[in-house]
C-alpha cells in the first residue's frame, strides 16, 4: 500500500536547506526508496514549507529512513529549522 509522509517545517535558511537536499539526492542515488516528492512553500508565510514524500509502502519508507545518509540529512535539516519539524505519516487508502 502506498505511503505518504508530510513534513512541515519553518526555516529562514532555505538556500542551505536546498544544498543539504541536493547532497542527499547525490549520496542516496540508487539506494533511496522515495518514489515522488513535492516541495512546497506557503504563500502567506515564506518561511513555512511542506514537503510531501511518497513511497511504495511504509516498509520502504522505513528502509529509506534507516539509510545513514537520511539520518545525517534529518540532523542537518533540524539544525536549519527555526523549530522542530512536524511529521504526518499517511497510508494511502484510495487514489484516483
PDB file of N, CA and C in Angstrom:
ATOM      1  N   UNK A   1       0.841  -1.168   0.000  1.00  0.00           N
ATOM      2  CA  UNK A   1       0.000   0.000   0.000  1.00  0.00           C
ATOM      3  C   UNK A   1       0.896   1.244   0.000  1.00  0.00           C
ATOM      4  N   UNK A   2       0.611   2.197  -0.858  1.00  0.00           N
ATOM      5  CA  UNK A   2       1.392   3.422  -0.944  1.00  0.00           C
ATOM      6  C   UNK A   2       1.363   4.164   0.383  1.00  0.00           C
ATOM      7  N   UNK A   3       2.497   4.776   0.714  1.00  0.00           N
ATOM      8  CA  UNK A   3       2.656   5.501   1.967  1.00  0.00           C
ATOM      9  C   UNK A   3       3.127   6.915   1.644  1.00  0.00           C
ATOM     10  N   UNK A   4       2.551   7.903   2.340  1.00  0.00           N
ATOM     11  CA  UNK A   4       2.914   9.302   2.132  1.00  0.00           C
ATOM     12  C   UNK A   4       3.314   9.903   3.469  1.00  0.00           C
ATOM     13  N   UNK A   5       4.401  10.640   3.438  1.00  0.00           N
ATOM     14  CA  UNK A   5       4.830  11.362   4.632  1.00  0.00           C
ATOM     15  C   UNK A   5       4.788  12.851   4.314  1.00  0.00           C
ATOM     16  N   UNK A   6       4.156  13.614   5.209  1.00  0.00           N
ATOM     17  CA  UNK A   6       4.104  15.065   5.076  1.00  0.00           C
ATOM     18  C   UNK A   6       5.029  15.637   6.141  1.00  0.00           C
ATOM     19  N   UNK A   7       5.972  16.460   5.697  1.00  0.00           N
ATOM     20  CA  UNK A   7       6.941  17.063   6.603  1.00  0.00           C
ATOM     21  C   UNK A   7       6.726  18.571   6.547  1.00  0.00           C
ATOM     22  N   UNK A   8       6.396  19.132   7.692  1.00  0.00           N
ATOM     23  CA  UNK A   8       6.086  20.551   7.781  1.00  0.00           C
ATOM     24  C   UNK A   8       7.142  21.216   8.662  1.00  0.00           C
ATOM     25  N   UNK A   9       7.714  22.324   8.187  1.00  0.00           N
ATOM     26  CA  UNK A   9       8.782  22.976   8.934  1.00  0.00           C
ATOM     27  C   UNK A   9       8.891  24.442   8.547  1.00  0.00           C
ATOM     28  N   UNK A  10       9.635  25.184   9.365  1.00  0.00           N
ATOM     29  CA  UNK A  10       9.922  26.584   9.070  1.00  0.00           C
ATOM     30  C   UNK A  10      11.419  26.787   9.106  1.00  0.00           C
ATOM     31  N   UNK A  11      11.890  27.639   8.190  1.00  0.00           N
ATOM     32  CA  UNK A  11      13.311  27.970   8.135  1.00  0.00           C
ATOM     33  C   UNK A  11      13.489  29.345   7.506  1.00  0.00           C
ATOM     34  N   UNK A  12      14.540  30.003   7.909  1.00  0.00           N
ATOM     35  CA  UNK A  12      14.958  31.250   7.264  1.00  0.00           C
ATOM     36  C   UNK A  12      16.228  30.991   6.458  1.00  0.00           C
ATOM     37  N   UNK A  13      16.595  29.716   6.339  1.00  0.00           N
ATOM     38  CA  UNK A  13      17.857  29.323   5.696  1.00  0.00           C
ATOM     39  C   UNK A  13      17.600  28.380   4.515  1.00  0.00           C
ATOM     40  N   UNK A  14      16.653  28.736   3.677  1.00  0.00           N
ATOM     41  CA  UNK A  14      16.251  27.891   2.546  1.00  0.00           C
ATOM     42  C   UNK A  14      17.412  27.538   1.624  1.00  0.00           C
ATOM     43  N   UNK A  15      18.292  28.473   1.239  1.00  0.00           N
ATOM     44  CA  UNK A  15      19.402  28.066   0.351  1.00  0.00           C
ATOM     45  C   UNK A  15      20.272  26.966   0.955  1.00  0.00           C
ATOM     46  N   UNK A  16      20.510  27.021   2.254  1.00  0.00           N
ATOM     47  CA  UNK A  16      21.297  25.983   2.912  1.00  0.00           C
ATOM     48  C   UNK A  16      20.538  24.658   2.927  1.00  0.00           C
ATOM     49  N   UNK A  17      19.220  24.732   3.123  1.00  0.00           N
ATOM     50  CA  UNK A  17      18.388  23.518   3.099  1.00  0.00           C
ATOM     51  C   UNK A  17      18.469  22.863   1.720  1.00  0.00           C
ATOM     52  N   UNK A  18      18.367  23.667   0.675  1.00  0.00           N
ATOM     53  CA  UNK A  18      18.432  23.122  -0.692  1.00  0.00           C
ATOM     54  C   UNK A  18      19.753  22.415  -0.930  1.00  0.00           C
ATOM     55  N   UNK A  19      20.844  22.985  -0.428  1.00  0.00           N
ATOM     56  CA  UNK A  19      22.157  22.359  -0.601  1.00  0.00           C
ATOM     57  C   UNK A  19      22.219  21.008   0.107  1.00  0.00           C
ATOM     58  N   UNK A  20      21.622  20.914   1.296  1.00  0.00           N
ATOM     59  CA  UNK A  20      21.595  19.651   2.041  1.00  0.00           C
ATOM     60  C   UNK A  20      20.760  18.619   1.281  1.00  0.00           C
ATOM     61  N   UNK A  21      19.591  19.029   0.768  1.00  0.00           N
ATOM     62  CA  UNK A  21      18.749  18.112  -0.022  1.00  0.00           C
ATOM     63  C   UNK A  21      19.485  17.636  -1.274  1.00  0.00           C
ATOM     64  N   UNK A  22      20.164  18.568  -1.955  1.00  0.00           N
ATOM     65  CA  UNK A  22      20.892  18.198  -3.171  1.00  0.00           C
ATOM     66  C   UNK A  22      21.978  17.167  -2.876  1.00  0.00           C
ATOM     67  N   UNK A  23      22.694  17.367  -1.782  1.00  0.00           N
ATOM     68  CA  UNK A  23      23.742  16.420  -1.398  1.00  0.00           C
ATOM     69  C   UNK A  23      23.143  15.056  -1.069  1.00  0.00           C
ATOM     70  N   UNK A  24      21.999  15.050  -0.363  1.00  0.00           N
ATOM     71  CA  UNK A  24      21.329  13.786  -0.029  1.00  0.00           C
ATOM     72  C   UNK A  24      20.921  13.048  -1.304  1.00  0.00           C
ATOM     73  N   UNK A  25      20.388  13.784  -2.286  1.00  0.00           N
ATOM     74  CA  UNK A  25      19.988  13.134  -3.540  1.00  0.00           C
ATOM     75  C   UNK A  25      21.181  12.473  -4.214  1.00  0.00           C
ATOM     76  N   UNK A  26      22.338  13.116  -4.185  1.00  0.00           N
ATOM     77  CA  UNK A  26      23.539  12.537  -4.799  1.00  0.00           C
ATOM     78  C   UNK A  26      24.002  11.296  -4.042  1.00  0.00           C
ATOM     79  N   UNK A  27      24.047  11.389  -2.714  1.00  0.00           N
ATOM     80  CA  UNK A  27      24.614  10.291  -1.930  1.00  0.00           C
ATOM     81  C   UNK A  27      23.672   9.095  -1.797  1.00  0.00           C
ATOM     82  N   UNK A  28      22.388   9.293  -2.061  1.00  0.00           N
ATOM     83  CA  UNK A  28      21.441   8.175  -1.943  1.00  0.00           C
ATOM     84  C   UNK A  28      20.992   7.637  -3.300  1.00  0.00           C
ATOM     85  N   UNK A  29      21.596   8.102  -4.354  1.00  0.00           N
ATOM     86  CA  UNK A  29      21.242   7.632  -5.695  1.00  0.00           C
ATOM     87  C   UNK A  29      21.339   6.112  -5.743  1.00  0.00           C
ATOM     88  N   UNK A  30      20.251   5.475  -6.174  1.00  0.00           N
ATOM     89  CA  UNK A  30      20.215   4.021  -6.274  1.00  0.00           C
ATOM     90  C   UNK A  30      19.908   3.309  -4.962  1.00  0.00           C
ATOM     91  N   UNK A  31      19.859   4.052  -3.850  1.00  0.00           N
ATOM     92  CA  UNK A  31      19.585   3.458  -2.539  1.00  0.00           C
ATOM     93  C   UNK A  31      18.263   3.940  -1.956  1.00  0.00           C
ATOM     94  N   UNK A  32      17.893   5.181  -2.223  1.00  0.00           N
ATOM     95  CA  UNK A  32      16.684   5.739  -1.595  1.00  0.00           C
ATOM     96  C   UNK A  32      15.439   5.100  -2.192  1.00  0.00           C
ATOM     97  N   UNK A  33      14.365   5.097  -1.410  1.00  0.00           N
ATOM     98  CA  UNK A  33      13.131   4.436  -1.841  1.00  0.00           C
ATOM     99  C   UNK A  33      12.003   5.432  -2.099  1.00  0.00           C
ATOM    100  N   UNK A  34      12.301   6.718  -2.097  1.00  0.00           N
ATOM    101  CA  UNK A  34      11.301   7.746  -2.400  1.00  0.00           C
ATOM    102  C   UNK A  34      10.855   7.571  -3.844  1.00  0.00           C
ATOM    103  N   UNK A  35       9.536   7.509  -4.065  1.00  0.00           N
ATOM    104  CA  UNK A  35       9.042   7.387  -5.437  1.00  0.00           C
ATOM    105  C   UNK A  35       8.592   8.723  -6.012  1.00  0.00           C
ATOM    106  N   UNK A  36       8.275   9.693  -5.133  1.00  0.00           N
ATOM    107  CA  UNK A  36       7.848  11.013  -5.605  1.00  0.00           C
ATOM    108  C   UNK A  36       7.955  11.994  -4.448  1.00  0.00           C
ATOM    109  N   UNK A  37       8.347  13.234  -4.760  1.00  0.00           N
ATOM    110  CA  UNK A  37       8.424  14.256  -3.723  1.00  0.00           C
ATOM    111  C   UNK A  37       7.951  15.586  -4.280  1.00  0.00           C
ATOM    112  N   UNK A  38       7.202  16.314  -3.445  1.00  0.00           N
ATOM    113  CA  UNK A  38       6.760  17.660  -3.795  1.00  0.00           C
ATOM    114  C   UNK A  38       7.224  18.577  -2.663  1.00  0.00           C
ATOM    115  N   UNK A  39       7.981  19.601  -3.010  1.00  0.00           N
ATOM    116  CA  UNK A  39       8.489  20.590  -2.052  1.00  0.00           C
ATOM    117  C   UNK A  39       7.672  21.859  -2.234  1.00  0.00           C
ATOM    118  N   UNK A  40       6.982  22.315  -1.197  1.00  0.00           N
ATOM    119  CA  UNK A  40       6.097  23.469  -1.320  1.00  0.00           C
ATOM    120  C   UNK A  40       6.471  24.564  -0.325  1.00  0.00           C
ATOM    121  N   UNK A  41       6.083  25.788  -0.671  1.00  0.00           N
ATOM    122  CA  UNK A  41       6.305  26.950   0.185  1.00  0.00           C
ATOM    123  C   UNK A  41       4.975  27.666   0.392  1.00  0.00           C
ATOM    124  N   UNK A  42       4.699  28.049   1.611  1.00  0.00           N
ATOM    125  CA  UNK A  42       3.468  28.732   1.990  1.00  0.00           C
ATOM    126  C   UNK A  42       3.456  30.142   1.370  1.00  0.00           C
ATOM    127  N   UNK A  43       2.403  30.473   0.657  1.00  0.00           N
ATOM    128  CA  UNK A  43       2.298  31.794   0.026  1.00  0.00           C
ATOM    129  C   UNK A  43       2.153  32.915   1.048  1.00  0.00           C
ATOM    130  N   UNK A  44       1.508  32.640   2.185  1.00  0.00           N
ATOM    131  CA  UNK A  44       1.293  33.662   3.203  1.00  0.00           C
ATOM    132  C   UNK A  44       2.458  33.786   4.187  1.00  0.00           C
ATOM    133  N   UNK A  45       3.245  32.729   4.323  1.00  0.00           N
ATOM    134  CA  UNK A  45       4.390  32.737   5.236  1.00  0.00           C
ATOM    135  C   UNK A  45       5.567  32.113   4.487  1.00  0.00           C
ATOM    136  N   UNK A  46       6.435  32.930   3.906  1.00  0.00           N
ATOM    137  CA  UNK A  46       7.515  32.402   3.058  1.00  0.00           C
ATOM    138  C   UNK A  46       8.565  31.573   3.794  1.00  0.00           C
ATOM    139  N   UNK A  47       8.505  31.507   5.118  1.00  0.00           N
ATOM    140  CA  UNK A  47       9.445  30.686   5.882  1.00  0.00           C
ATOM    141  C   UNK A  47       8.849  29.325   6.244  1.00  0.00           C
ATOM    142  N   UNK A  48       7.598  29.094   5.844  1.00  0.00           N
ATOM    143  CA  UNK A  48       6.889  27.852   6.149  1.00  0.00           C
ATOM    144  C   UNK A  48       6.883  26.963   4.907  1.00  0.00           C
ATOM    145  N   UNK A  49       7.324  25.718   5.074  1.00  0.00           N
ATOM    146  CA  UNK A  49       7.420  24.768   3.969  1.00  0.00           C
ATOM    147  C   UNK A  49       6.697  23.479   4.322  1.00  0.00           C
ATOM    148  N   UNK A  50       6.198  22.811   3.305  1.00  0.00           N
ATOM    149  CA  UNK A  50       5.585  21.500   3.463  1.00  0.00           C
ATOM    150  C   UNK A  50       6.119  20.611   2.339  1.00  0.00           C
ATOM    151  N   UNK A  51       6.708  19.494   2.715  1.00  0.00           N
ATOM    152  CA  UNK A  51       7.182  18.517   1.739  1.00  0.00           C
ATOM    153  C   UNK A  51       6.258  17.309   1.792  1.00  0.00           C
ATOM    154  N   UNK A  52       5.865  16.836   0.632  1.00  0.00           N
ATOM    155  CA  UNK A  52       5.010  15.664   0.518  1.00  0.00           C
ATOM    156  C   UNK A  52       5.850  14.590  -0.178  1.00  0.00           C
ATOM    157  N   UNK A  53       6.121  13.519   0.557  1.00  0.00           N
ATOM    158  CA  UNK A  53       7.038  12.488   0.070  1.00  0.00           C
ATOM    159  C   UNK A  53       6.280  11.173  -0.033  1.00  0.00           C
ATOM    160  N   UNK A  54       6.355  10.554  -1.201  1.00  0.00           N
ATOM    161  CA  UNK A  54       5.628   9.308  -1.449  1.00  0.00           C
ATOM    162  C   UNK A  54       6.600   8.142  -1.553  1.00  0.00           C
ATOM    163  N   UNK A  55       6.171   7.017  -0.978  1.00  0.00           N
ATOM    164  CA  UNK A  55       6.942   5.775  -1.002  1.00  0.00           C
ATOM    165  C   UNK A  55       6.029   4.645  -1.481  1.00  0.00           C
ATOM    166  N   UNK A  56       6.600   3.573  -2.008  1.00  0.00           N
ATOM    167  CA  UNK A  56       5.770   2.441  -2.429  1.00  0.00           C
ATOM    168  C   UNK A  56       5.016   1.806  -1.257  1.00  0.00           C
ATOM    169  N   UNK A  57       5.586   1.886  -0.046  1.00  0.00           N
ATOM    170  CA  UNK A  57       4.949   1.282   1.134  1.00  0.00           C
ATOM    171  C   UNK A  57       5.587   1.876   2.389  1.00  0.00           C
ATOM    172  N   UNK A  58       4.951   1.615   3.520  1.00  0.00           N
ATOM    173  CA  UNK A  58       5.508   2.032   4.811  1.00  0.00           C
ATOM    174  C   UNK A  58       6.874   1.368   5.029  1.00  0.00           C
ATOM    175  N   UNK A  59       6.974   0.103   4.686  1.00  0.00           N
ATOM    176  CA  UNK A  59       8.229  -0.633   4.867  1.00  0.00           C
ATOM    177  C   UNK A  59       9.361   0.007   4.066  1.00  0.00           C
ATOM    178  N   UNK A  60       9.059   0.435   2.830  1.00  0.00           N
ATOM    179  CA  UNK A  60      10.075   1.100   2.006  1.00  0.00           C
ATOM    180  C   UNK A  60      10.451   2.457   2.596  1.00  0.00           C
ATOM    181  N   UNK A  61       9.484   3.144   3.189  1.00  0.00           N
ATOM    182  CA  UNK A  61       9.773   4.422   3.850  1.00  0.00           C
ATOM    183  C   UNK A  61      10.723   4.204   5.022  1.00  0.00           C
ATOM    184  N   UNK A  62      10.501   3.149   5.778  1.00  0.00           N
ATOM    185  CA  UNK A  62      11.374   2.855   6.913  1.00  0.00           C
ATOM    186  C   UNK A  62      12.771   2.443   6.449  1.00  0.00           C
ATOM    187  N   UNK A  63      12.838   1.713   5.338  1.00  0.00           N
ATOM    188  CA  UNK A  63      14.154   1.380   4.758  1.00  0.00           C
ATOM    189  C   UNK A  63      14.904   2.654   4.391  1.00  0.00           C
ATOM    190  N   UNK A  64      14.172   3.599   3.788  1.00  0.00           N
ATOM    191  CA  UNK A  64      14.768   4.876   3.400  1.00  0.00           C
ATOM    192  C   UNK A  64      15.221   5.640   4.650  1.00  0.00           C
ATOM    193  N   UNK A  65      14.373   5.629   5.675  1.00  0.00           N
ATOM    194  CA  UNK A  65      14.682   6.328   6.923  1.00  0.00           C
ATOM    195  C   UNK A  65      15.940   5.772   7.587  1.00  0.00           C
ATOM    196  N   UNK A  66      16.177   4.482   7.438  1.00  0.00           N
ATOM    197  CA  UNK A  66      17.316   3.834   8.076  1.00  0.00           C
ATOM    198  C   UNK A  66      18.643   4.050   7.345  1.00  0.00           C
ATOM    199  N   UNK A  67      18.596   4.628   6.155  1.00  0.00           N
ATOM    200  CA  UNK A  67      19.851   4.908   5.437  1.00  0.00           C
ATOM    201  C   UNK A  67      20.687   5.899   6.242  1.00  0.00           C
ATOM    202  N   UNK A  68      21.988   5.662   6.398  1.00  0.00           N
ATOM    203  CA  UNK A  68      22.838   6.607   7.134  1.00  0.00           C
ATOM    204  C   UNK A  68      22.761   8.029   6.561  1.00  0.00           C
ATOM    205  N   UNK A  69      22.669   8.147   5.243  1.00  0.00           N
ATOM    206  CA  UNK A  69      22.582   9.471   4.630  1.00  0.00           C
ATOM    207  C   UNK A  69      21.274  10.175   4.991  1.00  0.00           C
ATOM    208  N   UNK A  70      20.198   9.421   5.140  1.00  0.00           N
ATOM    209  CA  UNK A  70      18.922  10.011   5.539  1.00  0.00           C
ATOM    210  C   UNK A  70      18.987  10.463   6.997  1.00  0.00           C
ATOM    211  N   UNK A  71      19.614   9.671   7.848  1.00  0.00           N
ATOM    212  CA  UNK A  71      19.773  10.065   9.245  1.00  0.00           C
ATOM    213  C   UNK A  71      20.600  11.351   9.362  1.00  0.00           C
ATOM    214  N   UNK A  72      21.660  11.432   8.578  1.00  0.00           N
ATOM    215  CA  UNK A  72      22.500  12.639   8.573  1.00  0.00           C
ATOM    216  C   UNK A  72      21.696  13.837   8.062  1.00  0.00           C
ATOM    217  N   UNK A  73      20.921  13.628   6.986  1.00  0.00           N
ATOM    218  CA  UNK A  73      20.075  14.684   6.427  1.00  0.00           C
ATOM    219  C   UNK A  73      19.118  15.211   7.498  1.00  0.00           C
ATOM    220  N   UNK A  74      18.461  14.327   8.219  1.00  0.00           N
ATOM    221  CA  UNK A  74      17.487  14.736   9.233  1.00  0.00           C
ATOM    222  C   UNK A  74      18.141  15.619  10.291  1.00  0.00           C
ATOM    223  N   UNK A  75      19.321  15.246  10.730  1.00  0.00           N
ATOM    224  CA  UNK A  75      20.024  16.041  11.737  1.00  0.00           C
ATOM    225  C   UNK A  75      20.412  17.413  11.215  1.00  0.00           C
ATOM    226  N   UNK A  76      20.918  17.459   9.997  1.00  0.00           N
ATOM    227  CA  UNK A  76      21.316  18.739   9.408  1.00  0.00           C
ATOM    228  C   UNK A  76      20.109  19.646   9.187  1.00  0.00           C
ATOM    229  N   UNK A  77      19.001  19.064   8.743  1.00  0.00           N
ATOM    230  CA  UNK A  77      17.807  19.868   8.496  1.00  0.00           C
ATOM    231  C   UNK A  77      17.250  20.434   9.797  1.00  0.00           C
ATOM    232  N   UNK A  78      17.258  19.636  10.845  1.00  0.00           N
ATOM    233  CA  UNK A  78      16.767  20.128  12.143  1.00  0.00           C
ATOM    234  C   UNK A  78      17.553  21.359  12.590  1.00  0.00           C
ATOM    235  N   UNK A  79      18.850  21.351  12.346  1.00  0.00           N
ATOM    236  CA  UNK A  79      19.686  22.495  12.723  1.00  0.00           C
ATOM    237  C   UNK A  79      19.335  23.748  11.926  1.00  0.00           C
ATOM    238  N   UNK A  80      18.820  23.569  10.719  1.00  0.00           N
ATOM    239  CA  UNK A  80      18.492  24.712   9.861  1.00  0.00           C
ATOM    240  C   UNK A  80      17.063  25.211  10.054  1.00  0.00           C
ATOM    241  N   UNK A  81      16.251  24.468  10.795  1.00  0.00           N
ATOM    242  CA  UNK A  81      14.860  24.859  11.041  1.00  0.00           C
ATOM    243  C   UNK A  81      14.768  25.791  12.245  1.00  0.00           C
ATOM    244  N   UNK A  82      13.731  26.628  12.253  1.00  0.00           N
ATOM    245  CA  UNK A  82      13.512  27.518  13.390  1.00  0.00           C
ATOM    246  C   UNK A  82      12.773  26.818  14.523  1.00  0.00           C
ATOM    247  N   UNK A  83      12.236  25.645  14.284  1.00  0.00           N
ATOM    248  CA  UNK A  83      11.554  24.833  15.293  1.00  0.00           C
ATOM    249  C   UNK A  83      11.617  23.382  14.875  1.00  0.00           C
ATOM    250  N   UNK A  84      11.021  22.527  15.650  1.00  0.00           N
ATOM    251  CA  UNK A  84      11.021  21.091  15.351  1.00  0.00           C
ATOM    252  C   UNK A  84      10.089  20.792  14.179  1.00  0.00           C
ATOM    253  N   UNK A  85      10.565  20.079  13.145  1.00  0.00           N
ATOM    254  CA  UNK A  85       9.681  19.699  12.039  1.00  0.00           C
ATOM    255  C   UNK A  85       8.547  18.799  12.528  1.00  0.00           C
ATOM    256  N   UNK A  86       7.415  18.877  11.848  1.00  0.00           N
ATOM    257  CA  UNK A  86       6.255  18.036  12.168  1.00  0.00           C
ATOM    258  C   UNK A  86       6.100  16.993  11.063  1.00  0.00           C
ATOM    259  N   UNK A  87       5.970  15.732  11.454  1.00  0.00           N
ATOM    260  CA  UNK A  87       5.821  14.640  10.512  1.00  0.00           C
ATOM    261  C   UNK A  87       4.415  14.059  10.633  1.00  0.00           C
ATOM    262  N   UNK A  88       3.763  13.878   9.493  1.00  0.00           N
ATOM    263  CA  UNK A  88       2.474  13.197   9.440  1.00  0.00           C
ATOM    264  C   UNK A  88       2.639  12.000   8.520  1.00  0.00           C
ATOM    265  N   UNK A  89       2.330  10.810   9.013  1.00  0.00           N
ATOM    266  CA  UNK A  89       2.504   9.568   8.262  1.00  0.00           C
ATOM    267  C   UNK A  89       1.153   9.040   7.836  1.00  0.00           C
ATOM    268  N   UNK A  90       0.976   8.840   6.533  1.00  0.00           N
ATOM    269  CA  UNK A  90      -0.334   8.502   5.982  1.00  0.00           C
ATOM    270  C   UNK A  90      -0.272   7.273   5.079  1.00  0.00           C
ATOM    271  N   UNK A  91      -1.166   6.336   5.310  1.00  0.00           N
ATOM    272  CA  UNK A  91      -1.378   5.232   4.376  1.00  0.00           C
ATOM    273  C   UNK A  91      -2.380   5.717   3.320  1.00  0.00           C
ATOM    274  N   UNK A  92      -2.072   5.499   2.070  1.00  0.00           N
ATOM    275  CA  UNK A  92      -2.978   5.882   1.001  1.00  0.00           C
ATOM    276  C   UNK A  92      -4.048   4.807   0.897  1.00  0.00           C
ATOM    277  N   UNK A  93      -5.302   5.174   1.122  1.00  0.00           N
ATOM    278  CA  UNK A  93      -6.382   4.202   1.069  1.00  0.00           C
ATOM    279  C   UNK A  93      -7.140   4.246  -0.263  1.00  0.00           C
ATOM    280  N   UNK A  94      -6.992   5.364  -0.966  1.00  0.00           N
ATOM    281  CA  UNK A  94      -7.610   5.446  -2.292  1.00  0.00           C
ATOM    282  C   UNK A  94      -6.874   6.503  -3.093  1.00  0.00           C
ATOM    283  N   UNK A  95      -6.675   6.215  -4.355  1.00  0.00           N
ATOM    284  CA  UNK A  95      -6.001   7.140  -5.253  1.00  0.00           C
ATOM    285  C   UNK A  95      -6.711   7.099  -6.591  1.00  0.00           C
ATOM    286  N   UNK A  96      -7.132   8.262  -7.085  1.00  0.00           N
ATOM    287  CA  UNK A  96      -7.846   8.301  -8.367  1.00  0.00           C
ATOM    288  C   UNK A  96      -7.115   9.186  -9.351  1.00  0.00           C
TER     289      UNK A  96
END
